[in-house]
Amino acid sequence: MEPTSAPKNCQGKVPPILLDFMRAPGGHSLVVKGDAGTGKTTLALQTIEEMEAEQPNYYLSTRVSDEALFRQFPWVREQKMRDNVLKAGKTFLQRNRELAAMEDAHPQVTVAAAKELLRALNRTDDSLMVVRTELHKLEGQIEAGELTEDGEEGFQGNLMSEGEITFDLGIMLPELEIGYDMVETNLPAKTLIVVDSIDALSERYGIQAQRLVNTLQKDLVENSATNIVYTLEKSGKTDMDYLGDGVIQMLSEDRQGRRIRQLSIEKLRGQAVERWKYYFTLNGGRMTVFDPTWVRIPEQMRPMPTVPITDELTVSSGNESMDQYFGRIPRGSLVLWEFGLDVHQDVVRCLELAVMSDVLQKGRGVAWLPMYATDYGLVERQMRMLTGMENLPAMRILDTQGDSAGQYDMVKTVEGEEVSQDLRWSEMRYMMEGAGASSPYLSILGYDAMEAIYGSGVFRDSLEHIDAMRRGGHVVIAIASSRSASLDALRQQAKLHIRFEDMAGCVMAAGMKPNTPYLYLDFNGPEDRLPVPKLVPMI
């Protein structure tokens, strides 16, 4: 299955509270931790992208070349996010190479000369200086041999092909020096630095990550109002949790063979954290956090566009996005839509209205026994708006209470004693043919409601209707909650099985038959249309 492009509002989005954290007065440090593949680098790069217009930014990586980065995240190339760091780094390394070629040049001399060159290139205001107290203290300890292993050489730089920098680090700290100079160049503006990852930098320098972070925290964050994002290649509780002003945990876990991606805010100093858990996708190489699902069916709606008929062997769910990810519905099949108990009723109703509207506009017939108590007058008005049809003779709502007898043309009162009698195939066929409906017909059966009316053994008694529909090349959509007594039997009999569940307020769907990843239901759309979700895969 080829992923589609995300909806417009899902073209990459980090939690807004993280951006507010970066915008707050003063400097802030953010630790983004997680195992490999959890999306740390993607989050860091998109934070840079989001803040680009507000804060000069620099991305420092000790392990990933630029071209490798661009291959993995092609959208980064377009943003020109690394122009300054590349310019400074390459200038630094080129000058260092020239000086290192001098016979008597000492490594520390070459570093100092390159730093002076950087300052000459970038200096704009000599009155603004970055505090370097902790950096000088750290470099002094390195020179004294307190933090390095015996036999380490001084700094050696390597300028590779265009767009690629590699560092061989020794007793000096060239990347940190460059970072300090860049912050100083941008003063009084606040600079955003990403260190990806602090573990790799620690490994290169042979210095504990905590010591590096402590140095940057005191000099740049606290005394120079710099924002720094550190990625950390660990999960769970770490010593770094106490050093950062904010801590983000990135998780990627397996749930029944499906990938679950989750971002948890463990600490965000100075911010009121109302929502601490986010589910997200890396679809298209970008992070998109999912907003909590909120569905409102408008009072006034334009007609629903029909889903094109592609062949005579399948029918549509009324939603092209669902058809793409779960496949169109084969004629002569039973479809199960299973809903978790926390999924709002309006989500169910939107899916029901969409498929019924599509079927009716194609001249086909619908019989519906709703999952939930229904205002028949409201449904009648909604279906007229959605179909653009004044009369709906081919739609029948099966009512077991008899309270609405004679009030609505589409409501058919049934006895509510035996489901096998109320769902007699001969009766339904007569009803649909009399309304001039063409096949295939559609039955939508809410099994929780049917169990309350007919008892827990209702599936066995409804099987005659289901089998007659299947033999005739028609379609039955069974709707059931995760607590339905009929669920196991429905799972076994269903040709297609889709499970909808709530994750931290976000409605997700997963194909059980066929097997699919989790998909987020994005209900954003025009305010005068029925909310029909676009599906975004959690990958």
Protein backbone atom coordinates (compact mmCIF):
# COMPACT_ATOMS: atom_id res chain seq x y z
CA MET A 1 0.00 0.00 0.00
CA GLU A 2 1.46 3.33 -1.03
CA PRO A 3 0.96 6.11 1.53
CA THR A 4 -0.88 9.15 0.36
CA SER A 5 0.17 12.67 1.05
CA ALA A 6 -1.06 13.90 4.39
CA PRO A 7 -3.99 16.30 4.65
CA LYS A 8 -3.12 19.97 4.54
CA ASN A 9 -3.22 20.33 8.30
CA CYS A 10 -0.98 17.29 8.64
CA GLN A 11 2.01 18.43 6.59
CA GLY A 12 4.25 18.38 9.64
CA LYS A 13 3.40 19.70 13.06
CA VAL A 14 5.18 19.56 16.40
CA PRO A 15 3.32 20.13 19.69
CA PRO A 16 2.65 23.89 19.89
CA ILE A 17 3.58 23.91 23.59
CA LEU A 18 7.20 23.14 22.64
CA LEU A 19 7.33 26.23 20.45
CA ASP A 20 5.80 28.33 23.24
CA PHE A 21 8.53 26.95 25.51
CA MET A 22 11.21 28.15 23.07
CA ARG A 23 9.54 31.56 22.72
CA ALA A 24 9.40 32.26 26.44
CA PRO A 25 11.81 34.94 27.77
CA GLY A 26 15.34 33.78 28.48
CA GLY A 27 17.16 30.67 27.35
CA HIS A 28 15.85 27.13 27.63
CA SER A 29 17.27 23.66 27.24
CA LEU A 30 15.21 20.74 25.99
CA VAL A 31 16.27 17.11 26.24
CA VAL A 32 14.66 14.88 23.60
CA LYS A 33 15.36 11.27 24.51
CA GLY A 34 14.42 7.96 22.97
CA ASP A 35 15.78 4.84 21.35
CA ALA A 36 16.92 4.75 17.71
CA GLY A 37 14.14 5.32 15.20
CA THR A 38 11.72 7.04 17.56
CA GLY A 39 11.77 10.36 15.66
CA LYS A 40 14.16 12.49 17.74
CA THR A 41 16.02 14.01 14.78
CA THR A 42 12.77 14.68 12.93
CA LEU A 43 11.38 16.56 15.93
CA ALA A 44 14.58 18.57 16.31
CA LEU A 45 14.69 19.55 12.62
CA GLN A 46 11.04 20.57 12.55
CA THR A 47 11.50 22.64 15.68
CA ILE A 48 14.21 24.52 13.80
CA GLU A 49 11.90 24.89 10.83
CA GLU A 50 9.03 26.23 12.93
CA MET A 51 11.28 28.75 14.72
CA GLU A 52 13.30 29.77 11.66
CA ALA A 53 11.61 33.14 11.22
CA GLU A 54 12.02 34.02 14.91
CA GLN A 55 15.40 32.67 16.00
CA PRO A 56 18.68 32.11 14.11
CA ASN A 57 19.36 28.42 14.25
CA TYR A 58 22.20 25.95 13.99
CA TYR A 59 22.10 22.18 13.67
CA LEU A 60 25.21 20.43 14.95
CA SER A 61 25.58 16.73 14.22
CA THR A 62 28.73 14.71 14.70
CA ARG A 63 27.51 11.62 12.86
CA VAL A 64 25.36 12.62 9.91
CA SER A 65 26.69 14.31 6.81
CA ASP A 66 24.61 16.90 5.07
CA GLU A 67 23.89 14.80 2.03
CA ALA A 68 22.83 11.87 4.20
CA LEU A 69 20.56 14.23 6.10
CA PHE A 70 19.06 15.57 2.89
CA ARG A 71 18.42 12.07 1.58
CA GLN A 72 16.52 11.13 4.73
CA PHE A 73 14.77 14.49 5.10
CA PRO A 74 14.55 16.03 1.61
CA TRP A 75 12.40 18.90 2.88
CA VAL A 76 15.36 20.16 4.93
CA ARG A 77 17.28 21.06 1.78
CA GLU A 78 14.54 23.49 0.80
CA GLN A 79 14.57 25.28 4.12
CA LYS A 80 18.24 26.32 3.98
CA MET A 81 18.34 25.66 7.69
CA ARG A 82 22.01 24.76 7.81
CA ASP A 83 23.46 27.53 5.66
CA ASN A 84 25.10 29.38 8.52
CA VAL A 85 26.53 26.35 10.27
CA LEU A 86 27.92 25.05 6.99
CA LYS A 87 29.47 28.38 6.13
CA ALA A 88 31.09 28.74 9.53
CA GLY A 89 32.15 25.12 9.80
CA LYS A 90 33.68 24.94 6.35
CA THR A 91 35.51 28.22 6.83
CA PHE A 92 36.82 26.95 10.12
CA LEU A 93 38.00 23.66 8.70
CA GLN A 94 39.51 25.16 5.53
CA ARG A 95 41.54 27.66 7.50
CA ASN A 96 42.59 24.93 9.91
CA ARG A 97 43.80 22.77 7.00
CA GLU A 98 45.89 25.60 5.63
CA LEU A 99 47.48 26.33 8.99
CA ALA A 100 48.01 22.68 9.85
CA ALA A 101 50.11 22.40 6.70
CA MET A 102 52.57 24.79 8.29
CA GLU A 103 55.53 22.80 9.58
CA ASP A 104 55.62 24.26 13.11
CA ALA A 105 51.94 24.84 13.67
CA HIS A 106 50.57 23.58 17.02
CA PRO A 107 46.98 22.25 17.04
CA GLN A 108 45.92 24.85 19.59
CA VAL A 109 47.39 27.60 17.43
CA THR A 110 45.42 26.44 14.40
CA VAL A 111 42.22 26.33 16.40
CA ALA A 112 42.77 29.81 17.80
CA ALA A 113 43.54 31.19 14.34
CA ALA A 114 40.43 29.65 12.86
CA LYS A 115 38.33 31.07 15.68
CA GLU A 116 39.69 34.53 15.01
CA LEU A 117 38.83 34.13 11.35
CA LEU A 118 35.27 33.21 12.28
CA ARG A 119 34.97 36.28 14.43
CA ALA A 120 36.29 38.43 11.61
CA LEU A 121 33.77 36.99 9.21
CA ASN A 122 30.76 37.13 11.46
CA ARG A 123 31.34 39.78 14.10
CA THR A 124 28.83 42.62 14.04
CA ASP A 125 28.83 44.15 17.53
CA ASP A 126 31.92 44.01 19.75
CA SER A 127 29.91 45.26 22.71
CA LEU A 128 27.96 42.02 23.04
CA MET A 129 29.86 39.05 24.33
CA VAL A 130 28.93 35.47 25.15
CA VAL A 131 29.96 34.24 28.58
CA ARG A 132 32.60 31.49 28.21
CA THR A 133 33.46 30.85 31.85
CA GLU A 134 32.50 27.19 31.94
CA LEU A 135 33.91 26.52 28.46
CA HIS A 136 37.29 27.91 29.42
CA LYS A 137 37.21 25.90 32.65
CA LEU A 138 36.45 22.73 30.69
CA GLU A 139 39.17 23.42 28.11
CA GLY A 140 41.62 24.11 30.93
CA GLN A 141 40.90 20.71 32.43
CA ILE A 142 41.35 19.10 29.04
CA GLU A 143 44.72 20.82 28.54
CA ALA A 144 45.78 19.71 32.00
CA GLY A 145 45.01 16.14 31.01
CA GLU A 146 42.23 15.76 33.55
CA LEU A 147 39.49 14.79 31.10
CA THR A 148 41.28 13.11 28.21
CA GLU A 149 43.04 9.83 27.67
CA ASP A 150 46.84 9.73 27.27
CA GLY A 151 48.10 10.01 23.80
CA GLU A 152 45.24 11.98 22.29
CA GLU A 153 46.25 14.39 19.59
CA GLY A 154 45.06 17.89 19.02
CA PHE A 155 42.22 18.83 16.71
CA GLN A 156 42.34 17.58 13.16
CA GLY A 157 39.66 18.59 10.70
CA ASN A 158 38.63 17.06 7.44
CA LEU A 159 36.72 18.89 4.76
CA MET A 160 35.04 16.33 2.56
CA SER A 161 32.89 16.81 -0.52
CA GLU A 162 30.54 19.75 -0.89
CA GLY A 163 27.86 19.67 1.77
CA GLU A 164 29.75 17.25 4.04
CA ILE A 165 31.85 17.90 7.11
CA THR A 166 33.64 15.39 9.31
CA PHE A 167 35.42 16.10 12.58
CA ASP A 168 38.22 14.27 14.30
CA LEU A 169 38.22 15.75 17.77
CA GLY A 170 41.05 15.89 20.24
CA ILE A 171 42.00 18.04 23.14
CA MET A 172 40.11 21.12 21.97
CA LEU A 173 36.37 21.56 21.48
CA PRO A 174 35.96 23.08 18.00
CA GLU A 175 32.23 22.39 17.59
CA LEU A 176 31.42 24.00 20.90
CA GLU A 177 33.68 26.94 20.07
CA ILE A 178 31.83 27.40 16.79
CA GLY A 179 28.51 27.24 18.61
CA TYR A 180 29.60 29.93 21.08
CA ASP A 181 30.82 32.16 18.24
CA MET A 182 27.57 31.72 16.37
CA VAL A 183 25.52 32.67 19.42
CA GLU A 184 27.75 35.71 19.92
CA THR A 185 27.33 36.75 16.28
CA ASN A 186 23.55 36.78 16.63
CA LEU A 187 23.34 38.77 19.86
CA PRO A 188 21.07 40.33 21.02
CA ALA A 189 18.81 37.93 19.10
CA LYS A 190 18.15 34.57 20.69
CA THR A 191 19.80 31.60 18.96
CA LEU A 192 18.38 28.09 18.70
CA ILE A 193 21.00 25.30 18.66
CA VAL A 194 20.30 21.61 18.13
CA VAL A 195 22.93 19.12 19.28
CA ASP A 196 22.13 15.78 17.61
CA SER A 197 23.15 13.87 19.60
CA ILE A 198 24.78 14.79 22.89
CA ASP A 199 25.79 11.13 23.29
CA ALA A 200 27.75 11.22 20.04
CA LEU A 201 29.41 14.50 21.00
CA SER A 202 30.34 13.03 24.36
CA GLU A 203 31.79 9.97 22.66
CA ARG A 204 33.88 12.07 20.26
CA TYR A 205 35.27 14.28 23.02
CA GLY A 206 35.66 11.55 25.61
CA ILE A 207 33.79 13.78 28.07
CA GLN A 208 30.67 12.84 29.99
CA ALA A 209 27.51 14.18 28.40
CA GLN A 210 26.41 15.66 31.74
CA ARG A 211 29.56 17.79 31.87
CA LEU A 212 29.03 19.06 28.32
CA VAL A 213 25.41 19.92 29.04
CA ASN A 214 26.30 21.60 32.32
CA THR A 215 28.85 23.76 30.48
CA LEU A 216 26.40 24.81 27.78
CA GLN A 217 23.61 25.29 30.29
CA LYS A 218 25.52 27.79 32.43
CA ASP A 219 27.27 29.71 29.64
CA LEU A 220 24.73 29.78 26.84
CA VAL A 221 21.31 28.98 28.27
CA GLU A 222 21.48 30.83 31.58
CA ASN A 223 23.87 33.66 30.74
CA SER A 224 23.32 34.21 27.01
CA ALA A 225 19.59 33.43 26.63
CA THR A 226 20.24 30.61 24.13
CA ASN A 227 17.78 27.84 23.33
CA ILE A 228 19.42 24.42 23.04
CA VAL A 229 17.82 21.12 22.05
CA TYR A 230 19.78 17.99 22.92
CA THR A 231 18.86 14.62 21.48
CA LEU A 232 19.72 11.72 23.74
CA GLU A 233 19.99 8.14 22.50
CA LYS A 234 18.45 6.67 25.61
CA SER A 235 14.99 6.14 27.03
CA GLY A 236 13.59 5.94 30.55
CA LYS A 237 14.98 7.89 33.50
CA THR A 238 18.44 9.41 32.92
CA ASP A 239 20.79 11.80 34.70
CA MET A 240 20.09 14.29 31.92
CA ASP A 241 16.50 14.66 33.15
CA TYR A 242 17.74 16.88 35.96
CA LEU A 243 19.89 19.12 33.75
CA GLY A 244 17.38 20.14 31.08
CA ASP A 245 14.65 22.72 31.56
CA GLY A 246 12.40 20.46 29.54
CA VAL A 247 12.40 16.71 28.94
CA ILE A 248 10.62 14.89 26.11
CA GLN A 249 10.35 11.11 25.84
CA MET A 250 9.93 9.62 22.35
CA LEU A 251 8.51 6.11 22.20
CA SER A 252 8.00 3.62 19.42
CA GLU A 253 6.36 0.37 20.48
CA ASP A 254 4.73 -2.65 18.94
CA ARG A 255 1.05 -3.28 19.53
CA GLN A 256 -0.17 -6.47 17.92
CA GLY A 257 2.27 -6.02 15.05
CA ARG A 258 1.43 -2.34 14.55
CA ARG A 259 3.71 0.60 15.22
CA ILE A 260 2.63 3.03 17.94
CA ARG A 261 4.48 6.35 18.07
CA GLN A 262 4.11 8.45 21.17
CA LEU A 263 5.62 11.66 22.53
CA SER A 264 5.42 12.29 26.28
CA ILE A 265 6.21 15.57 28.01
CA GLU A 266 7.96 14.70 31.29
CA LYS A 267 8.98 18.22 32.22
CA LEU A 268 8.56 21.66 30.71
CA ARG A 269 9.64 24.30 33.18
CA GLY A 270 7.52 27.45 33.12
CA GLN A 271 4.75 25.94 30.97
CA ALA A 272 1.35 24.74 32.11
CA VAL A 273 1.16 21.28 30.55
CA GLU A 274 -2.50 20.38 30.04
CA ARG A 275 -1.82 17.69 27.48
CA TRP A 276 1.24 15.57 28.24
CA LYS A 277 0.82 12.71 25.76
CA TYR A 278 0.79 12.99 21.96
CA TYR A 279 0.47 10.32 19.30
CA PHE A 280 2.17 11.11 16.03
CA THR A 281 3.26 9.85 12.63
CA LEU A 282 6.46 10.18 10.60
CA ASN A 283 4.56 9.87 7.35
CA GLY A 284 6.51 11.53 4.52
CA GLY A 285 9.62 11.91 6.70
CA ARG A 286 7.93 14.54 8.86
CA MET A 287 6.48 14.48 12.33
CA THR A 288 2.79 15.25 12.66
CA VAL A 289 1.18 15.08 16.07
CA PHE A 290 -2.47 14.14 16.04
CA ASP A 291 -5.04 16.51 17.48
CA PRO A 292 -7.79 15.15 19.74
CA THR A 293 -10.81 14.16 17.68
CA TRP A 294 -13.73 16.55 17.80
CA VAL A 295 -16.67 16.00 15.49
CA ARG A 296 -19.68 18.21 14.95
CA ILE A 297 -22.32 17.45 12.33
CA PRO A 298 -23.41 20.83 10.88
CA GLU A 299 -27.06 21.87 10.95
CA GLN A 300 -26.82 22.80 7.27
CA MET A 301 -24.84 20.65 4.84
CA ARG A 302 -24.17 20.58 1.12
CA PRO A 303 -24.77 17.31 -0.74
CA MET A 304 -22.10 14.66 -0.41
CA PRO A 305 -20.11 13.93 -3.57
CA THR A 306 -20.39 10.27 -4.52
CA VAL A 307 -17.38 7.99 -4.68
CA PRO A 308 -16.88 6.90 -8.32
CA ILE A 309 -17.91 3.38 -9.25
CA THR A 310 -14.72 1.55 -10.25
CA ASP A 311 -16.17 -1.89 -10.95
CA GLU A 312 -19.32 -3.95 -10.53
CA LEU A 313 -17.81 -6.33 -7.97
CA THR A 314 -17.25 -3.87 -5.12
CA VAL A 315 -19.01 -1.02 -3.38
CA SER A 316 -17.61 2.01 -1.56
CA SER A 317 -17.62 2.77 2.15
CA GLY A 318 -18.61 6.31 1.16
CA ASN A 319 -15.08 7.48 1.94
CA GLU A 320 -12.30 7.34 -0.66
CA SER A 321 -9.60 7.46 2.01
CA MET A 322 -11.05 4.43 3.80
CA ASP A 323 -11.44 2.63 0.47
CA GLN A 324 -7.77 3.23 -0.27
CA TYR A 325 -6.38 1.90 3.00
CA PHE A 326 -8.88 -0.87 3.78
CA GLY A 327 -9.98 -1.70 0.26
CA ARG A 328 -13.42 -1.38 -1.31
CA ILE A 329 -16.14 -3.69 -0.01
CA PRO A 330 -16.64 -6.86 -2.09
CA ARG A 331 -20.22 -7.56 -2.98
CA GLY A 332 -21.70 -10.46 -1.04
CA SER A 333 -19.71 -9.74 2.12
CA LEU A 334 -20.17 -9.01 5.81
CA VAL A 335 -18.19 -6.00 7.08
CA LEU A 336 -17.48 -5.42 10.78
CA TRP A 337 -16.87 -1.94 12.19
CA GLU A 338 -15.78 -2.45 15.78
CA PHE A 339 -15.74 0.61 18.05
CA GLY A 340 -14.01 1.06 21.37
CA LEU A 341 -16.19 2.22 24.24
CA ASP A 342 -14.51 5.65 24.33
CA VAL A 343 -15.18 6.48 20.67
CA HIS A 344 -17.83 9.22 20.46
CA GLN A 345 -21.20 8.34 18.96
CA ASP A 346 -20.91 11.19 16.44
CA VAL A 347 -17.88 9.46 14.88
CA VAL A 348 -20.01 6.38 14.29
CA ARG A 349 -22.87 8.47 12.95
CA CYS A 350 -20.62 10.33 10.45
CA LEU A 351 -19.38 7.04 9.00
CA GLU A 352 -22.95 5.69 8.79
CA LEU A 353 -24.31 8.82 7.08
CA ALA A 354 -21.46 8.85 4.56
CA VAL A 355 -21.97 5.27 3.36
CA MET A 356 -25.78 5.58 3.30
CA SER A 357 -25.61 8.83 1.33
CA ASP A 358 -23.30 7.26 -1.25
CA VAL A 359 -25.52 4.19 -1.65
CA LEU A 360 -28.75 6.19 -2.00
CA GLN A 361 -27.32 8.63 -4.54
CA LYS A 362 -26.39 5.66 -6.72
CA GLY A 363 -30.01 4.51 -6.71
CA ARG A 364 -29.44 1.61 -4.35
CA GLY A 365 -31.37 0.61 -1.22
CA VAL A 366 -30.53 0.87 2.50
CA ALA A 367 -31.99 -0.83 5.58
CA TRP A 368 -30.66 0.53 8.86
CA LEU A 369 -31.09 -0.59 12.45
CA PRO A 370 -29.15 2.11 14.34
CA MET A 371 -26.53 1.39 16.97
CA TYR A 372 -27.77 4.26 19.14
CA ALA A 373 -31.08 5.96 19.86
CA THR A 374 -31.90 8.14 16.87
CA ASP A 375 -33.92 11.27 16.20
CA TYR A 376 -35.62 10.08 13.00
CA GLY A 377 -36.72 13.57 12.00
CA LEU A 378 -33.15 14.83 12.26
CA VAL A 379 -31.82 11.88 10.24
CA GLU A 380 -34.44 12.48 7.56
CA ARG A 381 -33.38 16.14 7.22
CA GLN A 382 -29.70 15.17 7.15
CA MET A 383 -30.18 12.55 4.46
CA ARG A 384 -32.16 14.95 2.28
CA MET A 385 -29.32 17.48 2.52
CA LEU A 386 -26.58 14.92 1.92
CA THR A 387 -28.25 13.27 -1.06
CA GLY A 388 -29.95 16.33 -2.53
CA MET A 389 -33.08 14.13 -2.77
CA GLU A 390 -36.47 15.30 -1.47
CA ASN A 391 -37.85 11.77 -1.26
CA LEU A 392 -35.92 8.79 0.07
CA PRO A 393 -38.09 5.78 -0.79
CA ALA A 394 -35.15 3.36 -0.89
CA MET A 395 -34.13 4.03 2.72
CA ARG A 396 -35.74 2.21 5.63
CA ILE A 397 -34.96 2.70 9.30
CA LEU A 398 -36.08 -0.31 11.33
CA ASP A 399 -37.86 0.84 14.51
CA THR A 400 -38.74 -1.67 17.22
CA GLN A 401 -40.46 0.80 19.54
CA GLY A 402 -43.30 1.91 17.31
CA ASP A 403 -43.21 5.45 18.70
CA SER A 404 -42.69 6.97 15.29
CA ALA A 405 -45.20 4.87 13.38
CA GLY A 406 -46.67 6.88 10.49
CA GLN A 407 -44.61 10.02 11.23
CA TYR A 408 -41.77 9.42 8.78
CA ASP A 409 -41.92 7.66 5.42
CA MET A 410 -38.47 6.12 5.87
CA VAL A 411 -39.24 4.54 9.26
CA LYS A 412 -40.55 0.97 9.21
CA THR A 413 -41.90 -0.39 12.48
CA VAL A 414 -40.95 -4.00 13.25
CA GLU A 415 -42.21 -6.19 16.07
CA GLY A 416 -38.99 -6.49 18.07
CA GLU A 417 -39.75 -10.05 19.10
CA GLU A 418 -37.76 -12.21 16.68
CA VAL A 419 -34.96 -10.77 14.63
CA SER A 420 -35.29 -13.55 12.07
CA GLN A 421 -38.81 -12.29 11.34
CA ASP A 422 -38.00 -8.57 11.48
CA LEU A 423 -35.11 -9.05 9.05
CA ARG A 424 -36.82 -11.45 6.66
CA TRP A 425 -35.03 -11.34 3.33
CA SER A 426 -38.24 -11.65 1.35
CA GLU A 427 -39.66 -8.62 3.14
CA MET A 428 -36.54 -6.54 2.53
CA ARG A 429 -36.34 -7.50 -1.14
CA TYR A 430 -40.01 -6.60 -1.62
CA MET A 431 -39.44 -3.27 0.10
CA MET A 432 -36.40 -2.37 -2.01
CA GLU A 433 -37.89 -3.48 -5.31
CA GLY A 434 -41.06 -1.54 -4.53
CA ALA A 435 -38.95 1.59 -3.99
CA GLY A 436 -37.28 1.10 -7.38
CA ALA A 437 -33.86 0.52 -5.78
CA SER A 438 -31.18 -1.25 -7.76
CA SER A 439 -28.78 -3.75 -6.27
CA PRO A 440 -26.57 -4.17 -4.38
CA TYR A 441 -28.56 -3.37 -1.26
CA LEU A 442 -27.01 -2.38 2.05
CA SER A 443 -27.97 -3.44 5.58
CA ILE A 444 -26.41 -1.59 8.53
CA LEU A 445 -27.01 -3.43 11.80
CA GLY A 446 -26.11 -2.04 15.24
CA TYR A 447 -25.50 -5.21 17.24
CA ASP A 448 -25.36 -3.64 20.70
CA ALA A 449 -28.86 -2.24 20.17
CA MET A 450 -30.04 -5.54 18.68
CA GLU A 451 -28.72 -7.45 21.71
CA ALA A 452 -30.65 -5.12 24.02
CA ILE A 453 -33.84 -5.77 21.99
CA TYR A 454 -33.53 -9.42 20.97
CA GLY A 455 -31.05 -10.85 23.51
CA SER A 456 -27.40 -11.92 23.49
CA GLY A 457 -27.97 -14.68 20.92
CA VAL A 458 -29.06 -12.22 18.24
CA PHE A 459 -26.19 -12.97 15.88
CA ARG A 460 -27.28 -16.59 15.45
CA ASP A 461 -30.84 -15.47 14.73
CA SER A 462 -29.70 -12.77 12.29
CA LEU A 463 -27.47 -15.13 10.33
CA GLU A 464 -30.31 -16.06 7.97
CA HIS A 465 -30.58 -12.42 6.89
CA ILE A 466 -26.81 -12.08 6.56
CA ASP A 467 -26.48 -15.23 4.47
CA ALA A 468 -29.35 -14.19 2.17
CA MET A 469 -27.69 -10.80 1.63
CA ARG A 470 -24.36 -12.44 0.89
CA ARG A 471 -25.85 -14.94 -1.55
CA GLY A 472 -27.61 -12.11 -3.37
CA GLY A 473 -24.39 -10.10 -3.82
CA HIS A 474 -25.44 -7.44 -1.34
CA VAL A 475 -23.53 -5.98 1.64
CA VAL A 476 -24.06 -6.08 5.41
CA ILE A 477 -22.17 -3.67 7.69
CA ALA A 478 -22.27 -4.85 11.29
CA ILE A 479 -21.50 -2.20 13.91
CA ALA A 480 -20.54 -3.42 17.37
CA SER A 481 -18.75 -2.19 20.47
CA SER A 482 -15.76 -3.96 21.96
CA ARG A 483 -18.10 -5.40 24.62
CA SER A 484 -20.70 -6.78 22.25
CA ALA A 485 -21.69 -10.38 22.95
CA SER A 486 -21.78 -10.93 19.18
CA LEU A 487 -18.24 -9.68 18.58
CA ASP A 488 -16.40 -13.01 18.39
CA ALA A 489 -18.91 -14.47 15.92
CA LEU A 490 -18.85 -11.30 13.84
CA ARG A 491 -15.04 -11.32 13.72
CA GLN A 492 -15.08 -14.88 12.46
CA GLN A 493 -17.70 -14.25 9.77
CA ALA A 494 -16.55 -10.82 8.56
CA LYS A 495 -14.82 -10.41 5.22
CA LEU A 496 -13.53 -7.00 6.30
CA HIS A 497 -12.92 -5.99 9.91
CA ILE A 498 -11.94 -2.47 10.97
CA ARG A 499 -11.40 -1.55 14.60
CA PHE A 500 -11.78 2.05 15.77
CA GLU A 501 -10.35 3.07 19.12
CA ASP A 502 -9.54 6.14 21.17
CA MET A 503 -5.90 6.95 21.94
CA ALA A 504 -5.49 9.93 24.27
CA GLY A 505 -8.54 11.55 22.69
CA CYS A 506 -7.53 10.72 19.11
CA VAL A 507 -9.69 8.30 17.14
CA MET A 508 -7.54 5.73 15.35
CA ALA A 509 -8.51 2.90 13.03
CA ALA A 510 -6.71 -0.33 12.25
CA GLY A 511 -7.55 -2.98 9.71
CA MET A 512 -7.82 -6.44 11.26
CA LYS A 513 -8.92 -7.90 7.91
CA PRO A 514 -6.90 -6.85 5.97
CA ASN A 515 -4.04 -5.99 8.31
CA THR A 516 -3.07 -2.31 8.21
CA PRO A 517 -1.08 0.10 10.38
CA TYR A 518 -2.92 2.39 12.75
CA LEU A 519 -4.52 5.28 10.91
CA TYR A 520 -5.60 8.61 12.38
CA LEU A 521 -9.04 9.90 11.43
CA ASP A 522 -8.59 13.53 10.44
CA PHE A 523 -12.07 15.08 10.42
CA ASN A 524 -10.99 18.58 9.43
CA GLY A 525 -12.91 19.83 6.44
CA PRO A 526 -15.37 22.48 5.24
CA GLU A 527 -17.83 23.59 7.90
CA ASP A 528 -20.81 23.07 5.60
CA ARG A 529 -19.99 19.45 4.78
CA LEU A 530 -20.51 16.20 6.62
CA PRO A 531 -17.25 15.49 8.50
CA VAL A 532 -15.71 12.67 6.48
CA PRO A 533 -12.28 11.67 7.76
CA LYS A 534 -9.08 11.47 5.78
CA LEU A 535 -6.84 8.73 7.08
CA VAL A 536 -3.22 9.40 8.04
CA PRO A 537 -1.05 6.32 8.68
CA MET A 538 0.99 6.10 11.87
CA ILE A 539 4.32 5.09 10.30
